[in-house]
Amino acid sequence: MPFSSLFTGHDGFRGLKSRRESRWRIYLGILADWTLTLAIVLIMIGCLYFYSEMMEILSTETKRQVNTIVMALSLALSVSVLKGLNDFVATVRWWILSRRHHSLRKVDLILQAESVSRVLLLAVRTRRLTVHLAACLWIILILMVQVALALLGLCFSIENQNALALVVQPGRVSVPDMSSIQTTKIIQNGPSSVAAQEYTANSYGQISLAFETDTTDRIPEIGAIWTPSDPLMFCDADHCKYIFHEKSVHLDTDGDGDIDHVDDDDGGSPGSLMVVTTNRSLDSSATCRSWRVAIGGDGAQDSISLEASGDGPRGVSQTTFMTNTSQSCGGGCATVSAFEAAGPGQSWYYVCNVTVSRVGNGTLPEHEASPELRSMAAASIALQGSGVSSLDSDDIQYQVYPAESVFGLPIKGLNDSMAMLMARFAIGTVAICGQSNSPIVIDGFAPVKGFQLVVDHWDYIYMILVSIALGQLVLAVATACIAGRIEIPEGGPIAMAQVLRPIAHKLKSSDKADTMLSSDGPGGMWIYRAVETGEMGVYDLLMEERASGYSTDGFSVEMQ
């Protein structure tokens, strides 16, 4: 019987009947797979940028969504890359089998090239340096892909947001009681009289120097977590502003329906309740006029002479602020005069109207500051309170500040500077009241901790994702080139079984089948062939044995 007909099937083909596929169809299929990888890479970069740069704070639900999206994209990218690797292996193995004859054992290992262990075993069982090099490169490529995908997750993380809090959930919050200036933090004995409040107001203004003051363009956004190290007041060229804070509260846990207590923690430790910035604010401003002192500028006279007169204590290198508490220039307004005793010819006298506004963006009565508190804060730089004035009228009070102090620094007739000095003192009084007065619990939006997506290494992310996309593009081009040169069997295990039909018949007819597959000696040498048939574009794909004394039927074709 002729060799060519030894293993011919019922359809007249020795192997798999295959119709030549259009090159463009092959190229488009490979391009579509790479485009999918590129799309996943771009979507992952877009998601990381959106959640890290566009969303400053994430809720618990959003955190779960981010984790799910990133995990899904990572898995999709891994599957897409591995599919590209497997497609390359599935193509290149037939090209390797078509280049030269191999023993049955090596054919078996080459056909299982998707397995790293089989690639290693193939490298061990051959002496060819090129096979060793190819196996090493392939294993290194697989390891690089796995390591790159693993390192990708180390370039970003979801952490607690320590700068902002979520203020979208209705709940109970505590706000300062701004109905009056509470004196218990300054005066321990006696009733909270007007005099005690005046003394406390002046003390609060000076205490405010212990807190940071920043410019109004640095006002934090709503929901920003506030700590004592953050600025408490904000000033620009013509006014100062205090931003109110809200504090979360411990809810009822004993079943009595009451709030257990207000948390005194500033929110710095994990799980603690927080103090956050609101959109409510209160402004202070002042307008001043000034005159140079003509007589009495040394501060040693009982009176001074200028276009307007005033009295005050004796002394040089100091500034004396005076106010008449029985007079008012409107709600939250006070008239304060100042005598700046800096020596003959260098002393100045100022008259200023200081105004503390109503609370802006307040929506509840508990948000408002009382007119009495605002008026007292406006005059606080001059209030003496419990230290009773020695002047003839108890309604006139004064405070003296040495020139070395912040509020006694010589202004030298600059009206705007004196106005800002008084506005700063007034807003400081309000701010410390907001921090020191006892809180009241009202309905609001309870601040809760959120999360943020932190991308530590954008450069590594770009490098990894771009390298993966470019690497798969190179493999896709190589796969397309190889697929365009040889006919690749299409289908699954059944199609491959048809290609291996001659080998199966060889093993079936031999009593040394186990030996043939376990060693390189017996079993002959085999090569993959795409044999052209008489029908246009149809090939017989099979494994063909190199045999002595016989010539092959047909000829192998390398697609051009």
Protein backbone atom coordinates (compact mmCIF):
# COMPACT_ATOMS: atom_id res chain seq x y z
CA MET A 1 0.00 0.00 0.00
CA PRO A 2 1.40 3.47 -0.86
CA PHE A 3 2.64 5.47 2.13
CA SER A 4 0.35 8.36 1.24
CA SER A 5 -2.74 6.29 1.75
CA LEU A 6 -1.77 4.51 4.93
CA PHE A 7 -3.69 6.86 7.24
CA THR A 8 -6.17 8.45 4.84
CA GLY A 9 -9.56 9.20 6.42
CA HIS A 10 -12.97 8.65 4.95
CA ASP A 11 -12.93 12.18 3.51
CA GLY A 12 -9.68 11.54 1.66
CA PHE A 13 -7.61 13.72 4.06
CA ARG A 14 -4.80 12.31 6.16
CA GLY A 15 -5.14 15.13 8.70
CA LEU A 16 -7.43 18.13 9.19
CA LYS A 17 -9.26 19.62 6.26
CA SER A 18 -8.69 23.37 6.50
CA ARG A 19 -9.72 26.20 4.28
CA ARG A 20 -7.27 29.04 3.99
CA GLU A 21 -8.44 32.00 6.05
CA SER A 22 -8.20 35.55 4.75
CA ARG A 23 -5.13 37.36 6.00
CA TRP A 24 -7.18 40.45 6.76
CA ARG A 25 -9.52 38.41 8.90
CA ILE A 26 -6.54 37.08 10.84
CA TYR A 27 -5.07 40.55 11.25
CA LEU A 28 -8.37 42.09 12.33
CA GLY A 29 -8.92 39.36 14.92
CA ILE A 30 -5.47 39.90 16.42
CA LEU A 31 -5.93 43.69 16.30
CA ALA A 32 -9.30 43.38 18.07
CA ASP A 33 -7.69 41.44 20.92
CA TRP A 34 -4.96 44.07 21.33
CA THR A 35 -7.52 46.88 21.11
CA LEU A 36 -9.38 45.27 24.01
CA THR A 37 -6.20 45.32 26.10
CA LEU A 38 -5.57 48.95 25.17
CA ALA A 39 -9.15 49.86 26.14
CA ILE A 40 -8.75 48.16 29.53
CA VAL A 41 -5.47 50.04 30.11
CA LEU A 42 -7.07 53.40 29.26
CA ILE A 43 -10.14 52.71 31.38
CA MET A 44 -7.96 51.74 34.35
CA ILE A 45 -5.90 54.93 34.04
CA GLY A 46 -9.10 56.96 33.73
CA CYS A 47 -10.69 55.34 36.79
CA LEU A 48 -7.59 55.81 38.93
CA TYR A 49 -7.36 59.47 37.88
CA PHE A 50 -11.07 60.14 38.45
CA TYR A 51 -11.27 58.59 41.92
CA SER A 52 -7.90 59.95 43.10
CA GLU A 53 -7.92 63.46 41.61
CA MET A 54 -11.59 64.31 40.97
CA MET A 55 -13.14 62.73 44.08
CA GLU A 56 -11.47 64.08 47.21
CA ILE A 57 -13.43 61.86 49.58
CA LEU A 58 -15.08 58.48 49.18
CA SER A 59 -17.91 57.00 51.19
CA THR A 60 -17.85 53.39 52.32
CA GLU A 61 -20.12 52.44 49.43
CA THR A 62 -17.95 54.30 46.93
CA LYS A 63 -14.88 52.61 48.41
CA ARG A 64 -16.46 49.23 47.67
CA GLN A 65 -17.26 50.37 44.15
CA VAL A 66 -13.66 51.48 43.58
CA ASN A 67 -12.32 48.17 44.89
CA THR A 68 -14.73 46.25 42.67
CA ILE A 69 -13.92 48.30 39.57
CA VAL A 70 -10.16 48.12 40.05
CA MET A 71 -10.29 44.40 40.78
CA ALA A 72 -12.49 43.75 37.74
CA LEU A 73 -10.21 45.79 35.48
CA SER A 74 -7.12 44.06 36.86
CA LEU A 75 -8.65 40.64 36.24
CA ALA A 76 -9.81 41.68 32.77
CA LEU A 77 -6.33 42.99 31.95
CA SER A 78 -4.75 39.79 33.24
CA VAL A 79 -7.12 37.63 31.19
CA SER A 80 -6.59 39.74 28.08
CA VAL A 81 -2.79 39.64 28.40
CA LEU A 82 -2.75 35.90 29.08
CA LYS A 83 -5.02 35.35 26.08
CA GLY A 84 -2.55 37.27 23.94
CA LEU A 85 0.30 35.13 25.28
CA ASN A 86 -1.65 31.93 24.67
CA ASP A 87 -2.58 33.02 21.14
CA PHE A 88 1.07 33.67 20.43
CA VAL A 89 2.08 30.27 21.81
CA ALA A 90 -0.74 28.51 19.97
CA THR A 91 0.51 30.05 16.72
CA VAL A 92 4.27 29.83 17.18
CA ARG A 93 4.20 26.15 18.21
CA TRP A 94 2.94 25.14 14.75
CA TRP A 95 5.58 27.35 13.18
CA ILE A 96 8.26 25.61 15.28
CA LEU A 97 6.91 22.18 14.31
CA SER A 98 6.96 23.18 10.65
CA ARG A 99 10.63 24.26 10.62
CA ARG A 100 12.28 20.88 11.23
CA HIS A 101 11.61 17.30 12.28
CA HIS A 102 11.18 16.53 15.97
CA SER A 103 10.89 13.37 18.01
CA LEU A 104 7.49 12.38 19.34
CA ARG A 105 8.54 13.42 22.83
CA LYS A 106 9.51 16.92 21.71
CA VAL A 107 6.37 17.21 19.59
CA ASP A 108 4.35 16.40 22.69
CA LEU A 109 6.19 19.05 24.75
CA ILE A 110 5.98 21.71 22.02
CA LEU A 111 2.22 21.22 21.70
CA GLN A 112 1.93 21.85 25.47
CA ALA A 113 3.98 25.06 25.37
CA GLU A 114 1.25 26.93 27.33
CA SER A 115 2.57 25.10 30.40
CA VAL A 116 5.72 26.61 31.88
CA SER A 117 6.75 23.24 33.28
CA ARG A 118 6.56 21.72 29.78
CA VAL A 119 8.69 24.53 28.38
CA LEU A 120 11.30 23.87 31.07
CA LEU A 121 11.19 20.15 30.35
CA LEU A 122 11.63 20.84 26.63
CA ALA A 123 14.69 22.96 27.37
CA VAL A 124 16.15 20.19 29.52
CA ARG A 125 15.58 17.51 26.87
CA THR A 126 17.34 19.35 24.05
CA ARG A 127 20.91 20.39 23.47
CA ARG A 128 20.10 23.22 21.09
CA LEU A 129 21.16 26.60 22.41
CA THR A 130 18.40 28.38 20.51
CA VAL A 131 15.77 26.28 22.30
CA HIS A 132 17.36 27.06 25.65
CA LEU A 133 17.39 30.77 24.83
CA ALA A 134 13.80 30.77 23.58
CA ALA A 135 12.59 28.88 26.66
CA CYS A 136 14.37 31.32 28.99
CA LEU A 137 12.96 34.35 27.17
CA TRP A 138 9.47 32.91 27.24
CA ILE A 139 9.60 32.13 30.97
CA ILE A 140 11.07 35.57 31.72
CA LEU A 141 8.27 37.19 29.69
CA ILE A 142 5.59 35.29 31.61
CA LEU A 143 7.20 36.18 34.95
CA MET A 144 7.51 39.85 33.96
CA VAL A 145 3.82 40.00 33.09
CA GLN A 146 2.81 38.42 36.40
CA VAL A 147 5.17 40.64 38.41
CA ALA A 148 3.98 43.78 36.57
CA LEU A 149 0.33 43.00 37.28
CA ALA A 150 1.19 42.33 40.94
CA LEU A 151 3.22 45.54 41.28
CA LEU A 152 0.35 47.53 39.80
CA GLY A 153 -1.65 47.02 42.99
CA LEU A 154 1.21 48.40 45.09
CA CYS A 155 1.20 51.76 43.29
CA PHE A 156 -2.10 52.91 44.82
CA SER A 157 -4.12 52.34 47.97
CA ILE A 158 -7.36 53.38 49.64
CA GLU A 159 -6.66 55.18 52.91
CA ASN A 160 -8.58 57.14 55.51
CA GLN A 161 -9.27 60.72 54.46
CA ASN A 162 -7.76 62.87 57.20
CA ALA A 163 -8.45 66.25 55.60
CA LEU A 164 -12.16 65.97 54.77
CA ALA A 165 -15.25 64.36 56.26
CA LEU A 166 -18.52 63.32 54.69
CA VAL A 167 -21.34 65.65 55.71
CA VAL A 168 -24.20 64.26 53.65
CA GLN A 169 -25.96 62.01 56.14
CA PRO A 170 -28.62 63.60 58.39
CA GLY A 171 -27.88 63.23 62.08
CA ARG A 172 -27.13 65.07 65.29
CA VAL A 173 -24.30 67.58 65.60
CA SER A 174 -23.06 69.93 68.30
CA VAL A 175 -22.60 73.65 67.67
CA PRO A 176 -21.39 76.38 70.07
CA ASP A 177 -23.97 78.29 72.07
CA MET A 178 -23.42 81.86 70.85
CA SER A 179 -26.19 83.49 72.87
CA SER A 180 -23.65 85.11 75.23
CA ILE A 181 -20.00 85.09 76.23
CA GLN A 182 -19.69 82.34 78.82
CA THR A 183 -17.22 83.19 81.56
CA THR A 184 -16.59 79.85 83.27
CA LYS A 185 -13.33 79.24 81.39
CA ILE A 186 -11.86 82.56 82.65
CA ILE A 187 -13.71 83.48 85.87
CA GLN A 188 -14.26 80.62 88.29
CA ASN A 189 -16.20 82.43 91.04
CA GLY A 190 -19.21 84.69 90.95
CA PRO A 191 -22.15 85.09 88.58
CA SER A 192 -21.77 85.62 84.87
CA SER A 193 -22.32 89.37 85.10
CA VAL A 194 -21.86 91.88 82.30
CA ALA A 195 -18.57 92.95 83.84
CA ALA A 196 -17.39 89.33 83.92
CA GLN A 197 -18.39 88.91 80.27
CA GLU A 198 -16.51 92.08 79.33
CA TYR A 199 -13.37 90.89 81.08
CA THR A 200 -13.71 87.47 79.42
CA ALA A 201 -14.22 89.08 76.01
CA ASN A 202 -10.94 90.98 76.32
CA SER A 203 -9.15 87.86 77.59
CA TYR A 204 -10.46 85.81 74.65
CA GLY A 205 -9.18 88.39 72.18
CA GLN A 206 -5.67 88.07 73.59
CA ILE A 207 -5.90 84.27 73.87
CA SER A 208 -6.71 84.13 70.15
CA LEU A 209 -3.08 84.98 69.42
CA ALA A 210 -2.28 81.37 70.34
CA PHE A 211 -4.17 80.20 67.24
CA GLU A 212 -3.07 80.54 63.65
CA THR A 213 -4.50 83.27 61.41
CA ASP A 214 -4.48 82.83 57.65
CA THR A 215 -5.67 84.77 54.61
CA THR A 216 -9.25 84.54 53.41
CA ASP A 217 -8.23 82.79 50.20
CA ARG A 218 -7.10 79.84 52.35
CA ILE A 219 -10.49 79.22 53.93
CA PRO A 220 -11.03 75.42 53.96
CA GLU A 221 -13.87 73.86 52.04
CA ILE A 222 -17.05 72.62 53.69
CA GLY A 223 -16.45 69.35 55.50
CA ALA A 224 -12.73 69.93 56.03
CA ILE A 225 -11.56 68.33 59.27
CA TRP A 226 -10.34 70.97 61.72
CA THR A 227 -7.63 70.40 64.34
CA PRO A 228 -6.20 72.92 66.84
CA SER A 229 -3.09 73.29 64.69
CA ASP A 230 -5.17 74.61 61.78
CA PRO A 231 -5.94 78.32 61.28
CA LEU A 232 -8.90 79.52 63.32
CA MET A 233 -9.32 83.02 61.83
CA PHE A 234 -8.87 84.41 58.33
CA CYS A 235 -8.09 88.03 57.44
CA ASP A 236 -7.44 90.08 54.34
CA ALA A 237 -6.89 93.78 53.74
CA ASP A 238 -10.28 95.02 54.94
CA HIS A 239 -11.96 92.40 57.13
CA CYS A 240 -11.52 89.23 59.17
CA LYS A 241 -13.65 86.10 59.14
CA TYR A 242 -14.38 83.26 61.53
CA ILE A 243 -15.63 79.97 60.09
CA PHE A 244 -17.90 78.02 62.42
CA HIS A 245 -17.29 74.35 63.13
CA GLU A 246 -19.60 71.46 63.86
CA LYS A 247 -18.73 68.43 65.93
CA SER A 248 -20.15 64.96 65.74
CA VAL A 249 -21.71 63.54 68.90
CA HIS A 250 -21.94 60.15 70.54
CA LEU A 251 -25.43 58.83 69.99
CA ASP A 252 -27.66 57.34 72.67
CA THR A 253 -26.48 53.89 73.74
CA ASP A 254 -28.36 53.40 76.99
CA GLY A 255 -31.87 53.55 75.56
CA ASP A 256 -32.95 56.72 77.36
CA GLY A 257 -33.35 58.64 74.12
CA ASP A 258 -30.77 61.27 75.06
CA ILE A 259 -27.41 62.13 73.59
CA ASP A 260 -24.80 60.61 75.90
CA HIS A 261 -22.12 63.26 75.46
CA VAL A 262 -20.36 65.49 73.00
CA ASP A 263 -16.99 64.22 71.94
CA ASP A 264 -14.00 66.35 72.95
CA ASP A 265 -11.68 64.62 70.49
CA ASP A 266 -10.62 66.70 67.52
CA GLY A 267 -10.85 63.79 65.13
CA GLY A 268 -7.16 63.11 64.87
CA SER A 269 -7.24 59.44 65.83
CA PRO A 270 -8.82 56.68 63.73
CA GLY A 271 -12.44 56.09 64.58
CA SER A 272 -12.77 59.28 66.64
CA LEU A 273 -15.53 61.81 66.18
CA MET A 274 -14.62 64.89 64.23
CA VAL A 275 -14.74 68.66 64.11
CA VAL A 276 -15.48 69.88 60.60
CA THR A 277 -15.72 73.20 58.82
CA THR A 278 -19.16 74.52 57.88
CA ASN A 279 -20.34 77.15 55.43
CA ARG A 280 -21.39 79.45 58.28
CA SER A 281 -19.17 82.44 58.94
CA LEU A 282 -19.05 85.71 60.82
CA ASP A 283 -17.13 88.82 59.71
CA SER A 284 -15.52 91.70 61.56
CA SER A 285 -14.43 94.99 60.04
CA ALA A 286 -13.59 98.52 61.14
CA THR A 287 -13.24 102.04 59.77
CA CYS A 288 -10.93 104.55 61.42
CA ARG A 289 -10.00 108.22 61.42
CA SER A 290 -6.78 109.51 62.95
CA TRP A 291 -5.18 112.75 64.10
CA ARG A 292 -1.61 113.56 65.05
CA VAL A 293 -1.35 114.57 68.72
CA ALA A 294 -0.25 118.21 69.07
CA ILE A 295 0.09 118.43 72.87
CA GLY A 296 0.52 115.58 75.32
CA GLY A 297 2.08 113.15 72.89
CA ASP A 298 4.52 112.00 75.55
CA GLY A 299 1.66 110.42 77.48
CA ALA A 300 2.58 112.30 80.67
CA GLN A 301 -0.29 114.83 80.62
CA ASP A 302 -3.82 114.60 81.94
CA SER A 303 -5.14 115.59 78.50
CA ILE A 304 -4.05 115.70 74.90
CA SER A 305 -4.74 118.35 72.29
CA LEU A 306 -5.81 117.57 68.75
CA GLU A 307 -8.76 118.13 66.52
CA ALA A 308 -10.69 115.88 68.87
CA SER A 309 -9.87 115.41 72.55
CA GLY A 310 -9.72 112.35 74.77
CA ASP A 311 -8.44 111.22 78.14
CA GLY A 312 -6.44 108.19 79.17
CA PRO A 313 -3.76 106.92 81.53
CA ARG A 314 -0.28 108.32 81.50
CA GLY A 315 2.66 106.53 79.85
CA VAL A 316 4.75 106.47 76.71
CA SER A 317 5.46 103.59 74.25
CA GLN A 318 1.99 102.19 74.64
CA THR A 319 -1.43 102.30 73.05
CA THR A 320 -4.57 102.88 75.07
CA PHE A 321 -7.90 101.67 73.65
CA MET A 322 -11.05 103.28 75.03
CA THR A 323 -14.77 102.75 74.56
CA ASN A 324 -18.04 103.96 76.05
CA THR A 325 -20.20 100.89 76.67
CA SER A 326 -23.35 103.01 77.00
CA GLN A 327 -23.10 104.16 73.39
CA SER A 328 -23.89 102.08 70.33
CA CYS A 329 -23.43 102.59 66.62
CA GLY A 330 -25.81 99.77 65.68
CA GLY A 331 -26.25 96.04 66.12
CA GLY A 332 -22.89 94.37 66.61
CA CYS A 333 -21.10 97.72 66.36
CA ALA A 334 -18.96 99.64 68.86
CA THR A 335 -16.99 102.88 68.78
CA VAL A 336 -13.43 102.47 70.00
CA SER A 337 -10.83 105.22 70.27
CA ALA A 338 -7.10 104.68 70.64
CA PHE A 339 -4.30 106.89 71.91
CA GLU A 340 -0.95 105.83 70.54
CA ALA A 341 1.66 107.40 72.85
CA ALA A 342 4.95 107.16 70.97
CA GLY A 343 6.58 110.42 72.04
CA PRO A 344 6.30 114.10 71.04
CA GLY A 345 5.45 114.51 67.36
CA GLN A 346 4.96 110.76 66.86
CA SER A 347 1.75 110.11 68.76
CA TRP A 348 -1.64 109.57 67.17
CA TYR A 349 -5.24 109.46 68.18
CA TYR A 350 -7.78 107.23 66.41
CA VAL A 351 -11.54 106.91 66.43
CA CYS A 352 -12.91 103.70 64.90
CA ASN A 353 -16.24 102.02 64.37
CA VAL A 354 -15.83 98.25 64.75
CA THR A 355 -18.57 95.98 63.39
CA VAL A 356 -19.16 92.26 63.91
CA SER A 357 -21.68 90.95 61.40
CA ARG A 358 -24.48 88.44 61.82
CA VAL A 359 -23.79 84.81 61.03
CA GLY A 360 -23.82 84.16 57.32
CA ASN A 361 -25.57 81.04 55.96
CA GLY A 362 -27.22 80.33 59.30
CA THR A 363 -30.42 78.33 58.85
CA LEU A 364 -31.46 77.69 62.46
CA PRO A 365 -31.88 80.03 65.45
CA GLU A 366 -29.14 78.06 67.21
CA HIS A 367 -26.71 79.11 64.48
CA GLU A 368 -27.04 82.82 65.23
CA ALA A 369 -24.80 84.92 67.48
CA SER A 370 -26.67 87.31 69.77
CA PRO A 371 -26.40 91.10 69.21
CA GLU A 372 -25.01 91.49 72.74
CA LEU A 373 -22.19 89.04 72.04
CA ARG A 374 -21.36 90.72 68.74
CA SER A 375 -21.36 94.23 70.25
CA MET A 376 -19.20 93.11 73.16
CA ALA A 377 -16.76 91.41 70.77
CA ALA A 378 -16.56 94.59 68.67
CA ALA A 379 -15.47 96.62 71.73
CA SER A 380 -13.48 93.83 73.39
CA ILE A 381 -10.05 95.34 72.69
CA ALA A 382 -10.92 98.18 75.09
CA LEU A 383 -13.03 96.33 77.68
CA GLN A 384 -11.84 96.09 81.25
CA GLY A 385 -14.87 94.51 82.88
CA SER A 386 -14.10 93.22 86.34
CA GLY A 387 -11.06 95.44 86.59
CA VAL A 388 -13.20 98.53 87.29
CA SER A 389 -12.21 101.72 85.50
CA SER A 390 -10.76 104.53 87.62
CA LEU A 391 -12.27 107.17 85.38
CA ASP A 392 -15.21 109.31 86.42
CA SER A 393 -17.71 107.34 84.33
CA ASP A 394 -18.02 103.58 84.78
CA ASP A 395 -19.35 103.37 81.20
CA ILE A 396 -15.94 104.34 79.83
CA GLN A 397 -13.48 101.49 79.86
CA TYR A 398 -9.94 101.21 78.57
CA GLN A 399 -7.11 98.75 78.13
CA VAL A 400 -3.43 99.58 77.76
CA TYR A 401 -1.09 97.55 75.54
CA PRO A 402 2.67 98.12 75.55
CA ALA A 403 4.32 98.94 72.24
CA GLU A 404 6.15 95.60 72.32
CA SER A 405 2.88 93.63 72.19
CA VAL A 406 0.97 92.70 69.05
CA PHE A 407 -1.97 94.96 69.83
CA GLY A 408 0.20 97.83 71.12
CA LEU A 409 2.46 98.05 68.09
CA PRO A 410 2.65 101.70 66.88
CA ILE A 411 0.55 102.19 63.74
CA LYS A 412 1.82 105.76 63.03
CA GLY A 413 -1.44 107.14 61.70
CA LEU A 414 -2.28 104.39 59.21
CA ASN A 415 -6.05 104.17 59.44
CA ASP A 416 -6.39 100.87 57.57
CA SER A 417 -3.80 99.19 59.77
CA MET A 418 -5.53 100.33 62.97
CA ALA A 419 -8.87 99.17 61.54
CA MET A 420 -7.45 95.72 60.80
CA LEU A 421 -5.91 95.54 64.28
CA MET A 422 -9.29 96.13 65.93
CA ALA A 423 -11.09 93.81 63.50
CA ARG A 424 -8.56 91.07 64.26
CA PHE A 425 -9.07 91.44 68.01
CA ALA A 426 -12.86 91.35 67.60
CA ILE A 427 -12.86 88.23 65.42
CA GLY A 428 -10.44 86.59 67.86
CA THR A 429 -12.93 87.13 70.67
CA VAL A 430 -15.72 85.57 68.60
CA ALA A 431 -13.52 82.64 67.57
CA ILE A 432 -12.50 81.76 71.12
CA CYS A 433 -16.14 82.04 72.18
CA GLY A 434 -16.97 79.54 69.46
CA GLN A 435 -14.30 77.21 70.79
CA SER A 436 -14.98 77.68 74.52
CA ASN A 437 -18.73 78.14 74.93
CA SER A 438 -20.66 75.03 75.88
CA PRO A 439 -22.14 73.18 72.89
CA ILE A 440 -25.75 72.53 72.05
CA VAL A 441 -26.91 69.49 70.07
CA ILE A 442 -29.13 70.11 67.05
CA ASP A 443 -30.22 68.36 63.88
CA GLY A 444 -27.80 68.62 61.00
CA PHE A 445 -25.51 66.57 58.81
CA ALA A 446 -23.31 64.47 61.05
CA PRO A 447 -19.71 64.31 59.85
CA VAL A 448 -18.33 60.82 59.36
CA LYS A 449 -14.92 59.66 58.24
CA GLY A 450 -14.38 58.97 54.57
CA PHE A 451 -11.68 57.48 52.42
CA GLN A 452 -9.44 58.56 49.58
CA LEU A 453 -7.72 56.80 46.73
CA VAL A 454 -4.02 57.62 47.00
CA VAL A 455 -1.87 57.02 43.92
CA ASP A 456 1.72 57.06 45.14
CA HIS A 457 3.49 56.30 41.88
CA TRP A 458 1.81 57.53 38.72
CA ASP A 459 5.08 57.05 36.85
CA TYR A 460 5.19 53.35 37.71
CA ILE A 461 1.54 52.91 36.75
CA TYR A 462 2.13 54.51 33.36
CA MET A 463 5.29 52.47 32.85
CA ILE A 464 3.61 49.16 33.74
CA LEU A 465 0.42 49.68 31.75
CA VAL A 466 2.16 51.15 28.69
CA SER A 467 4.73 48.34 28.76
CA ILE A 468 1.97 45.73 28.92
CA ALA A 469 0.11 47.33 26.01
CA LEU A 470 3.25 47.72 23.88
CA GLY A 471 4.47 44.22 24.76
CA GLN A 472 1.19 42.69 23.71
CA LEU A 473 1.28 44.77 20.52
CA VAL A 474 4.68 43.28 19.67
CA LEU A 475 3.35 39.78 20.31
CA ALA A 476 0.25 40.56 18.25
CA VAL A 477 2.39 41.68 15.31
CA ALA A 478 4.56 38.56 15.65
CA THR A 479 1.45 36.38 15.83
CA ALA A 480 0.03 38.05 12.72
CA CYS A 481 3.29 37.58 10.80
CA ILE A 482 3.52 33.89 11.70
CA ALA A 483 -0.17 33.28 11.03
CA GLY A 484 0.28 34.85 7.60
CA ARG A 485 3.11 32.46 6.68
CA ILE A 486 1.70 29.09 7.72
CA GLU A 487 -1.74 27.54 7.97
CA ILE A 488 -2.80 27.29 11.62
CA PRO A 489 -5.30 24.57 12.59
CA GLU A 490 -8.56 26.17 13.69
CA GLY A 491 -10.65 24.51 16.39
CA GLY A 492 -10.21 22.74 19.68
CA PRO A 493 -8.98 19.32 20.75
CA ILE A 494 -10.93 17.50 18.03
CA ALA A 495 -9.25 19.55 15.28
CA MET A 496 -5.85 18.94 16.86
CA ALA A 497 -6.63 15.22 17.05
CA GLN A 498 -7.21 15.20 13.31
CA VAL A 499 -3.86 16.91 12.74
CA LEU A 500 -2.22 14.28 14.96
CA ARG A 501 -4.05 11.40 13.26
CA PRO A 502 -0.86 10.00 11.63
CA ILE A 503 0.87 9.95 15.02
CA ALA A 504 -2.12 8.22 16.60
CA HIS A 505 -2.07 5.53 13.91
CA LYS A 506 1.68 5.13 14.42
CA LEU A 507 1.25 4.59 18.13
CA LYS A 508 -1.72 2.29 17.64
CA SER A 509 0.18 0.01 15.28
CA SER A 510 3.28 -0.16 17.48
CA ASP A 511 3.84 -2.21 20.61
CA LYS A 512 6.31 0.42 21.87
CA ALA A 513 3.90 3.33 22.23
CA ASP A 514 4.92 4.12 25.82
CA THR A 515 8.59 4.10 24.88
CA MET A 516 7.99 6.35 21.90
CA LEU A 517 6.40 9.08 24.05
CA SER A 518 8.87 8.84 26.91
CA SER A 519 12.15 9.00 25.01
CA ASP A 520 13.68 10.63 21.96
CA GLY A 521 14.92 7.38 20.41
CA PRO A 522 12.05 5.36 18.87
CA GLY A 523 8.97 6.80 17.23
CA GLY A 524 10.57 8.52 14.27
CA MET A 525 10.93 12.20 13.49
CA TRP A 526 7.87 14.30 12.74
CA ILE A 527 7.15 17.64 11.07
CA TYR A 528 4.02 19.72 10.66
CA ARG A 529 2.82 20.07 7.07
CA ALA A 530 0.15 22.10 5.31
CA VAL A 531 -0.37 20.09 2.13
CA GLU A 532 -2.17 21.85 -0.70
CA THR A 533 -5.00 19.88 -2.28
CA GLY A 534 -6.59 20.09 -5.66
CA GLU A 535 -9.33 22.34 -4.31
CA MET A 536 -8.49 26.04 -4.31
CA GLY A 537 -7.61 27.32 -0.83
CA VAL A 538 -8.06 23.94 0.90
CA TYR A 539 -5.21 22.30 2.81
CA ASP A 540 -4.57 18.99 4.50
CA LEU A 541 -2.98 19.78 7.87
CA LEU A 542 -1.11 16.89 9.44
CA MET A 543 1.97 15.68 11.24
CA GLU A 544 4.18 13.81 8.81
CA GLU A 545 6.90 11.32 9.67
CA ARG A 546 10.29 11.39 8.02
CA ALA A 547 10.65 7.94 6.49
CA SER A 548 13.39 6.31 4.42
CA GLY A 549 12.48 4.62 1.14
CA TYR A 550 9.27 6.57 0.66
CA SER A 551 8.51 9.94 -0.80
CA THR A 552 5.78 12.13 0.61
CA ASP A 553 2.59 12.63 -1.26
CA GLY A 554 2.09 16.28 -1.94
CA PHE A 555 4.35 19.06 -0.67
CA SER A 556 4.49 21.37 2.31
CA VAL A 557 3.35 24.91 1.73
CA GLU A 558 4.57 28.03 3.54
CA MET A 559 1.98 30.80 3.11
CA GLN A 560 3.37 33.81 1.31
